[in-house]
Amino acid sequence: MESFYLTKEFARLARRSRLADDQLQEAVDRAEAGTVDADLGGGLVKQRVAQPGKGRSGGFRTVLAYRRGKRAIFLHLFAKARRANLAPAELETYQKLAKAYDRLSDDELDALVATRGWRKVKRKDGEEEELS
């Protein structure tokens, strides 16, 4: 997976919460390595993300439409201090979105970036380039 996506609403919440793309990439990297904080079913996972200057356990929860090796789309963000989990109706809505987004092609996702205010974040591979 070369990149991941943020919906317009998620990007707004992440910016307000001062979450950096590197923190979100770390959540995707953990999922890719098989460490998912909660599998919510229907292609939906919940990953913990640290608040700036704090640990993950008391930080934020992110909800992603996720397919290992294929796609990660950040859909929702909330602080653990404000709520523990999604309401059943929210969970059902996000599961439906995850299934719909999983059917989209890369070109269709790029169109959402171009027309709907989504962000596409190119993942860093973790290897440093040598300067010659």
N, C-alpha and C. Protein backbone atom coordinates (compact mmCIF):
# COMPACT_ATOMS: atom_id res chain seq x y z
N MET A 1 0.85 -1.16 0.00
CA MET A 1 0.00 0.00 0.00
C MET A 1 0.90 1.23 0.00
N GLU A 2 0.79 2.03 -1.02
CA GLU A 2 1.67 3.19 -1.19
C GLU A 2 1.14 4.45 -0.51
N SER A 3 -0.16 4.49 -0.25
CA SER A 3 -0.74 5.69 0.34
C SER A 3 -1.99 5.32 1.13
N PHE A 4 -2.48 6.28 1.90
CA PHE A 4 -3.74 6.11 2.60
C PHE A 4 -4.54 7.40 2.44
N TYR A 5 -5.81 7.34 2.77
CA TYR A 5 -6.72 8.46 2.51
C TYR A 5 -7.35 8.97 3.81
N LEU A 6 -7.67 10.26 3.81
CA LEU A 6 -8.41 10.89 4.89
C LEU A 6 -9.65 11.53 4.28
N THR A 7 -10.83 11.21 4.82
CA THR A 7 -12.01 11.92 4.35
C THR A 7 -11.90 13.38 4.76
N LYS A 8 -12.69 14.22 4.14
CA LYS A 8 -12.65 15.65 4.44
C LYS A 8 -12.91 15.90 5.93
N GLU A 9 -13.92 15.24 6.47
CA GLU A 9 -14.26 15.42 7.89
C GLU A 9 -13.14 14.92 8.80
N PHE A 10 -12.57 13.76 8.47
CA PHE A 10 -11.48 13.24 9.29
C PHE A 10 -10.29 14.20 9.24
N ALA A 11 -9.95 14.69 8.07
CA ALA A 11 -8.81 15.61 7.93
C ALA A 11 -9.03 16.86 8.78
N ARG A 12 -10.26 17.36 8.81
CA ARG A 12 -10.58 18.53 9.63
C ARG A 12 -10.37 18.22 11.11
N LEU A 13 -10.89 17.08 11.57
CA LEU A 13 -10.74 16.70 12.98
C LEU A 13 -9.27 16.46 13.34
N ALA A 14 -8.53 15.83 12.45
CA ALA A 14 -7.11 15.55 12.71
C ALA A 14 -6.32 16.86 12.81
N ARG A 15 -6.63 17.80 11.96
CA ARG A 15 -5.95 19.10 11.99
C ARG A 15 -6.24 19.82 13.31
N ARG A 16 -7.51 19.82 13.73
CA ARG A 16 -7.89 20.45 15.00
C ARG A 16 -7.21 19.77 16.19
N SER A 17 -7.02 18.47 16.09
CA SER A 17 -6.42 17.69 17.18
C SER A 17 -4.90 17.67 17.11
N ARG A 18 -4.36 18.32 16.09
CA ARG A 18 -2.90 18.42 15.88
C ARG A 18 -2.25 17.05 15.67
N LEU A 19 -2.95 16.18 14.96
CA LEU A 19 -2.38 14.89 14.61
C LEU A 19 -1.59 15.03 13.31
N ALA A 20 -0.39 14.53 13.32
CA ALA A 20 0.47 14.57 12.14
C ALA A 20 0.24 13.33 11.28
N ASP A 21 0.53 13.47 9.99
CA ASP A 21 0.42 12.33 9.08
C ASP A 21 1.27 11.15 9.55
N ASP A 22 2.42 11.43 10.16
CA ASP A 22 3.28 10.35 10.66
C ASP A 22 2.58 9.51 11.72
N GLN A 23 1.77 10.14 12.56
CA GLN A 23 1.03 9.40 13.58
C GLN A 23 -0.01 8.50 12.94
N LEU A 24 -0.64 8.99 11.89
CA LEU A 24 -1.64 8.18 11.19
C LEU A 24 -0.96 7.05 10.43
N GLN A 25 0.18 7.34 9.84
CA GLN A 25 0.92 6.28 9.15
C GLN A 25 1.30 5.18 10.12
N GLU A 26 1.68 5.55 11.34
CA GLU A 26 2.05 4.55 12.34
C GLU A 26 0.87 3.63 12.64
N ALA A 27 -0.35 4.18 12.67
CA ALA A 27 -1.54 3.36 12.89
C ALA A 27 -1.75 2.40 11.72
N VAL A 28 -1.54 2.88 10.49
CA VAL A 28 -1.66 2.01 9.31
C VAL A 28 -0.56 0.95 9.33
N ASP A 29 0.66 1.35 9.66
CA ASP A 29 1.77 0.40 9.72
C ASP A 29 1.50 -0.72 10.72
N ARG A 30 0.94 -0.36 11.89
CA ARG A 30 0.61 -1.39 12.88
C ARG A 30 -0.43 -2.36 12.34
N ALA A 31 -1.43 -1.82 11.65
CA ALA A 31 -2.46 -2.68 11.06
C ALA A 31 -1.86 -3.59 9.99
N GLU A 32 -0.99 -3.04 9.16
CA GLU A 32 -0.34 -3.84 8.11
C GLU A 32 0.51 -4.95 8.72
N ALA A 33 1.06 -4.70 9.91
CA ALA A 33 1.88 -5.71 10.60
C ALA A 33 1.01 -6.71 11.36
N GLY A 34 -0.31 -6.53 11.30
CA GLY A 34 -1.21 -7.47 11.95
C GLY A 34 -1.68 -7.05 13.33
N THR A 35 -1.33 -5.84 13.76
CA THR A 35 -1.75 -5.36 15.07
C THR A 35 -2.90 -4.37 14.89
N VAL A 36 -4.11 -4.89 15.05
CA VAL A 36 -5.32 -4.08 14.94
C VAL A 36 -5.90 -3.97 16.35
N ASP A 37 -6.17 -2.75 16.79
CA ASP A 37 -6.69 -2.57 18.14
C ASP A 37 -8.10 -3.14 18.30
N ALA A 38 -8.94 -3.00 17.28
CA ALA A 38 -10.28 -3.60 17.32
C ALA A 38 -10.77 -3.81 15.89
N ASP A 39 -11.15 -5.05 15.58
CA ASP A 39 -11.78 -5.36 14.30
C ASP A 39 -13.27 -5.18 14.50
N LEU A 40 -13.84 -4.17 13.86
CA LEU A 40 -15.25 -3.84 14.03
C LEU A 40 -16.15 -4.54 13.03
N GLY A 41 -15.56 -5.36 12.15
CA GLY A 41 -16.33 -6.11 11.17
C GLY A 41 -16.64 -5.28 9.94
N GLY A 42 -16.92 -5.98 8.85
CA GLY A 42 -17.31 -5.31 7.62
C GLY A 42 -16.24 -4.44 7.01
N GLY A 43 -14.96 -4.80 7.21
CA GLY A 43 -13.87 -4.01 6.65
C GLY A 43 -13.56 -2.75 7.43
N LEU A 44 -13.99 -2.73 8.69
CA LEU A 44 -13.81 -1.56 9.55
C LEU A 44 -12.93 -1.93 10.74
N VAL A 45 -11.94 -1.09 11.04
CA VAL A 45 -11.08 -1.32 12.21
C VAL A 45 -10.97 -0.04 13.02
N LYS A 46 -10.65 -0.22 14.30
CA LYS A 46 -10.40 0.91 15.19
C LYS A 46 -8.94 0.83 15.61
N GLN A 47 -8.21 1.93 15.43
CA GLN A 47 -6.80 2.01 15.82
C GLN A 47 -6.62 3.17 16.80
N ARG A 48 -5.80 2.93 17.82
CA ARG A 48 -5.46 3.99 18.77
C ARG A 48 -4.33 4.85 18.19
N VAL A 49 -4.42 6.15 18.45
CA VAL A 49 -3.39 7.10 18.04
C VAL A 49 -3.10 7.98 19.24
N ALA A 50 -1.83 8.19 19.53
CA ALA A 50 -1.44 9.00 20.69
C ALA A 50 -1.79 10.46 20.50
N GLN A 51 -2.17 11.09 21.60
CA GLN A 51 -2.29 12.55 21.59
C GLN A 51 -0.88 13.10 21.62
N PRO A 52 -0.65 14.23 20.99
CA PRO A 52 0.69 14.82 21.04
C PRO A 52 1.18 14.95 22.48
N GLY A 53 2.34 14.36 22.76
CA GLY A 53 2.94 14.42 24.08
C GLY A 53 2.41 13.40 25.07
N LYS A 54 1.50 12.51 24.64
CA LYS A 54 0.93 11.49 25.52
C LYS A 54 0.98 10.14 24.82
N GLY A 55 0.57 9.12 25.52
CA GLY A 55 0.56 7.77 24.95
C GLY A 55 -0.71 7.46 24.19
N ARG A 56 -0.74 6.27 23.57
CA ARG A 56 -1.90 5.84 22.78
C ARG A 56 -3.11 5.49 23.64
N SER A 57 -2.88 4.92 24.84
CA SER A 57 -4.00 4.39 25.62
C SER A 57 -5.01 5.46 26.00
N GLY A 58 -4.57 6.67 26.29
CA GLY A 58 -5.50 7.73 26.65
C GLY A 58 -5.72 8.72 25.53
N GLY A 59 -5.30 8.39 24.35
CA GLY A 59 -5.34 9.33 23.23
C GLY A 59 -6.61 9.26 22.41
N PHE A 60 -6.41 9.21 21.11
CA PHE A 60 -7.51 9.22 20.16
C PHE A 60 -7.81 7.82 19.65
N ARG A 61 -9.03 7.67 19.17
CA ARG A 61 -9.44 6.46 18.47
C ARG A 61 -9.76 6.86 17.03
N THR A 62 -9.24 6.09 16.10
CA THR A 62 -9.54 6.34 14.69
C THR A 62 -10.32 5.15 14.16
N VAL A 63 -11.24 5.42 13.27
CA VAL A 63 -12.02 4.37 12.62
C VAL A 63 -11.64 4.41 11.15
N LEU A 64 -11.20 3.25 10.65
CA LEU A 64 -10.71 3.15 9.27
C LEU A 64 -11.49 2.10 8.49
N ALA A 65 -11.73 2.42 7.22
CA ALA A 65 -12.11 1.39 6.25
C ALA A 65 -10.77 0.80 5.83
N TYR A 66 -10.60 -0.49 6.11
CA TYR A 66 -9.26 -1.06 5.95
C TYR A 66 -9.32 -2.43 5.30
N ARG A 67 -8.45 -2.60 4.31
CA ARG A 67 -8.23 -3.91 3.67
C ARG A 67 -6.73 -4.09 3.61
N ARG A 68 -6.24 -5.07 4.34
CA ARG A 68 -4.79 -5.27 4.48
C ARG A 68 -4.11 -5.37 3.11
N GLY A 69 -3.04 -4.59 2.95
CA GLY A 69 -2.27 -4.60 1.72
C GLY A 69 -2.91 -3.86 0.56
N LYS A 70 -4.14 -3.39 0.76
CA LYS A 70 -4.84 -2.75 -0.35
C LYS A 70 -5.22 -1.29 -0.06
N ARG A 71 -5.87 -1.06 1.09
CA ARG A 71 -6.46 0.26 1.27
C ARG A 71 -6.67 0.59 2.74
N ALA A 72 -6.45 1.87 3.07
CA ALA A 72 -6.77 2.41 4.39
C ALA A 72 -7.37 3.79 4.19
N ILE A 73 -8.59 3.96 4.70
CA ILE A 73 -9.28 5.24 4.60
C ILE A 73 -9.72 5.63 6.01
N PHE A 74 -9.18 6.72 6.52
CA PHE A 74 -9.56 7.20 7.84
C PHE A 74 -10.91 7.90 7.74
N LEU A 75 -11.88 7.40 8.52
CA LEU A 75 -13.25 7.89 8.45
C LEU A 75 -13.65 8.77 9.63
N HIS A 76 -13.21 8.39 10.84
CA HIS A 76 -13.71 9.06 12.04
C HIS A 76 -12.63 9.12 13.10
N LEU A 77 -12.68 10.15 13.92
CA LEU A 77 -11.71 10.37 14.99
C LEU A 77 -12.46 10.84 16.23
N PHE A 78 -12.12 10.24 17.37
CA PHE A 78 -12.69 10.72 18.63
C PHE A 78 -11.70 10.49 19.76
N ALA A 79 -11.81 11.32 20.79
CA ALA A 79 -10.94 11.20 21.95
C ALA A 79 -11.54 10.17 22.90
N LYS A 80 -10.70 9.29 23.42
CA LYS A 80 -11.17 8.28 24.36
C LYS A 80 -11.80 8.93 25.59
N ALA A 81 -11.28 10.07 25.99
CA ALA A 81 -11.81 10.77 27.16
C ALA A 81 -13.26 11.21 26.95
N ARG A 82 -13.66 11.40 25.71
CA ARG A 82 -15.02 11.86 25.42
C ARG A 82 -16.01 10.73 25.21
N ARG A 83 -15.53 9.60 24.69
CA ARG A 83 -16.42 8.46 24.46
C ARG A 83 -15.59 7.21 24.27
N ALA A 84 -16.16 6.08 24.61
CA ALA A 84 -15.41 4.83 24.54
C ALA A 84 -15.53 4.16 23.17
N ASN A 85 -16.73 4.17 22.61
CA ASN A 85 -16.97 3.46 21.36
C ASN A 85 -18.00 4.16 20.51
N LEU A 86 -18.18 3.64 19.31
CA LEU A 86 -19.24 4.12 18.42
C LEU A 86 -20.58 3.58 18.89
N ALA A 87 -21.63 4.35 18.67
CA ALA A 87 -22.99 3.86 18.90
C ALA A 87 -23.31 2.82 17.84
N PRO A 88 -24.22 1.88 18.13
CA PRO A 88 -24.55 0.84 17.15
C PRO A 88 -24.97 1.39 15.78
N ALA A 89 -25.74 2.46 15.76
CA ALA A 89 -26.16 3.04 14.47
C ALA A 89 -24.96 3.62 13.71
N GLU A 90 -24.03 4.25 14.43
CA GLU A 90 -22.82 4.77 13.79
C GLU A 90 -21.99 3.64 13.22
N LEU A 91 -21.83 2.58 14.00
CA LEU A 91 -21.05 1.43 13.55
C LEU A 91 -21.63 0.87 12.26
N GLU A 92 -22.94 0.72 12.20
CA GLU A 92 -23.59 0.20 11.00
C GLU A 92 -23.36 1.12 9.80
N THR A 93 -23.46 2.42 10.01
CA THR A 93 -23.23 3.38 8.93
C THR A 93 -21.80 3.30 8.42
N TYR A 94 -20.83 3.25 9.34
CA TYR A 94 -19.43 3.18 8.92
C TYR A 94 -19.12 1.85 8.24
N GLN A 95 -19.75 0.77 8.66
CA GLN A 95 -19.54 -0.52 7.99
C GLN A 95 -20.05 -0.46 6.55
N LYS A 96 -21.18 0.18 6.34
CA LYS A 96 -21.70 0.33 4.98
C LYS A 96 -20.76 1.19 4.12
N LEU A 97 -20.25 2.26 4.71
CA LEU A 97 -19.28 3.09 3.98
C LEU A 97 -18.03 2.30 3.63
N ALA A 98 -17.53 1.52 4.58
CA ALA A 98 -16.32 0.73 4.33
C ALA A 98 -16.52 -0.23 3.17
N LYS A 99 -17.67 -0.87 3.12
CA LYS A 99 -17.95 -1.80 2.01
C LYS A 99 -18.04 -1.05 0.69
N ALA A 100 -18.67 0.12 0.70
CA ALA A 100 -18.79 0.91 -0.53
C ALA A 100 -17.42 1.40 -0.99
N TYR A 101 -16.61 1.90 -0.07
CA TYR A 101 -15.28 2.40 -0.43
C TYR A 101 -14.36 1.29 -0.91
N ASP A 102 -14.56 0.09 -0.40
CA ASP A 102 -13.72 -1.04 -0.82
C ASP A 102 -13.93 -1.38 -2.29
N ARG A 103 -15.11 -1.05 -2.81
CA ARG A 103 -15.41 -1.35 -4.21
C ARG A 103 -14.88 -0.29 -5.17
N LEU A 104 -14.42 0.84 -4.65
CA LEU A 104 -13.94 1.91 -5.52
C LEU A 104 -12.55 1.61 -6.06
N SER A 105 -12.33 2.04 -7.28
CA SER A 105 -11.00 1.91 -7.89
C SER A 105 -10.10 3.02 -7.37
N ASP A 106 -8.82 2.90 -7.63
CA ASP A 106 -7.88 3.96 -7.24
C ASP A 106 -8.23 5.28 -7.93
N ASP A 107 -8.65 5.21 -9.19
CA ASP A 107 -9.04 6.43 -9.91
C ASP A 107 -10.26 7.08 -9.27
N GLU A 108 -11.21 6.27 -8.82
CA GLU A 108 -12.39 6.83 -8.16
C GLU A 108 -12.03 7.47 -6.82
N LEU A 109 -11.11 6.86 -6.10
CA LEU A 109 -10.64 7.47 -4.84
C LEU A 109 -9.92 8.78 -5.12
N ASP A 110 -9.10 8.80 -6.16
CA ASP A 110 -8.40 10.04 -6.52
C ASP A 110 -9.39 11.13 -6.93
N ALA A 111 -10.51 10.74 -7.51
CA ALA A 111 -11.55 11.71 -7.86
C ALA A 111 -12.16 12.31 -6.59
N LEU A 112 -12.31 11.52 -5.54
CA LEU A 112 -12.80 12.05 -4.26
C LEU A 112 -11.81 13.06 -3.68
N VAL A 113 -10.53 12.80 -3.87
CA VAL A 113 -9.50 13.75 -3.42
C VAL A 113 -9.66 15.06 -4.20
N ALA A 114 -9.86 14.95 -5.50
CA ALA A 114 -9.94 16.13 -6.36
C ALA A 114 -11.23 16.92 -6.18
N THR A 115 -12.34 16.23 -5.88
CA THR A 115 -13.63 16.92 -5.89
C THR A 115 -14.32 17.04 -4.54
N ARG A 116 -13.94 16.23 -3.57
CA ARG A 116 -14.67 16.20 -2.29
C ARG A 116 -13.83 16.59 -1.08
N GLY A 117 -12.63 17.09 -1.31
CA GLY A 117 -11.82 17.55 -0.20
C GLY A 117 -11.12 16.47 0.60
N TRP A 118 -11.07 15.25 0.06
CA TRP A 118 -10.31 14.19 0.73
C TRP A 118 -8.83 14.49 0.59
N ARG A 119 -8.02 13.84 1.44
CA ARG A 119 -6.56 13.94 1.32
C ARG A 119 -5.99 12.56 1.06
N LYS A 120 -5.01 12.53 0.18
CA LYS A 120 -4.25 11.30 -0.08
C LYS A 120 -2.86 11.52 0.49
N VAL A 121 -2.43 10.62 1.37
CA VAL A 121 -1.13 10.76 2.02
C VAL A 121 -0.22 9.65 1.53
N LYS A 122 0.87 10.03 0.90
CA LYS A 122 1.84 9.04 0.43
C LYS A 122 2.61 8.52 1.63
N ARG A 123 2.64 7.21 1.76
CA ARG A 123 3.34 6.59 2.89
C ARG A 123 4.84 6.68 2.70
N LYS A 124 5.52 6.89 3.80
CA LYS A 124 6.99 6.85 3.81
C LYS A 124 7.37 5.40 4.02
N ASP A 125 8.39 4.94 3.30
CA ASP A 125 8.76 3.53 3.40
C ASP A 125 9.69 3.23 4.56
N GLY A 126 10.09 4.24 5.29
CA GLY A 126 10.95 4.01 6.44
C GLY A 126 12.42 3.92 6.12
N GLU A 127 12.77 3.88 4.85
CA GLU A 127 14.18 3.82 4.47
C GLU A 127 14.65 5.21 4.11
N GLU A 128 15.81 5.56 4.59
CA GLU A 128 16.37 6.87 4.28
C GLU A 128 17.15 6.79 2.98
N GLU A 129 17.00 7.83 2.17
CA GLU A 129 17.76 7.88 0.92
C GLU A 129 19.19 8.31 1.23
N GLU A 130 20.10 7.72 0.51
CA GLU A 130 21.50 8.14 0.66
C GLU A 130 21.73 9.35 -0.22
N LEU A 131 22.42 10.32 0.34
CA LEU A 131 22.77 11.51 -0.44
C LEU A 131 24.12 11.28 -1.09
N SER A 132 24.20 11.54 -2.41
CA SER A 132 25.49 11.35 -3.07
C SER A 132 26.17 12.65 -3.33
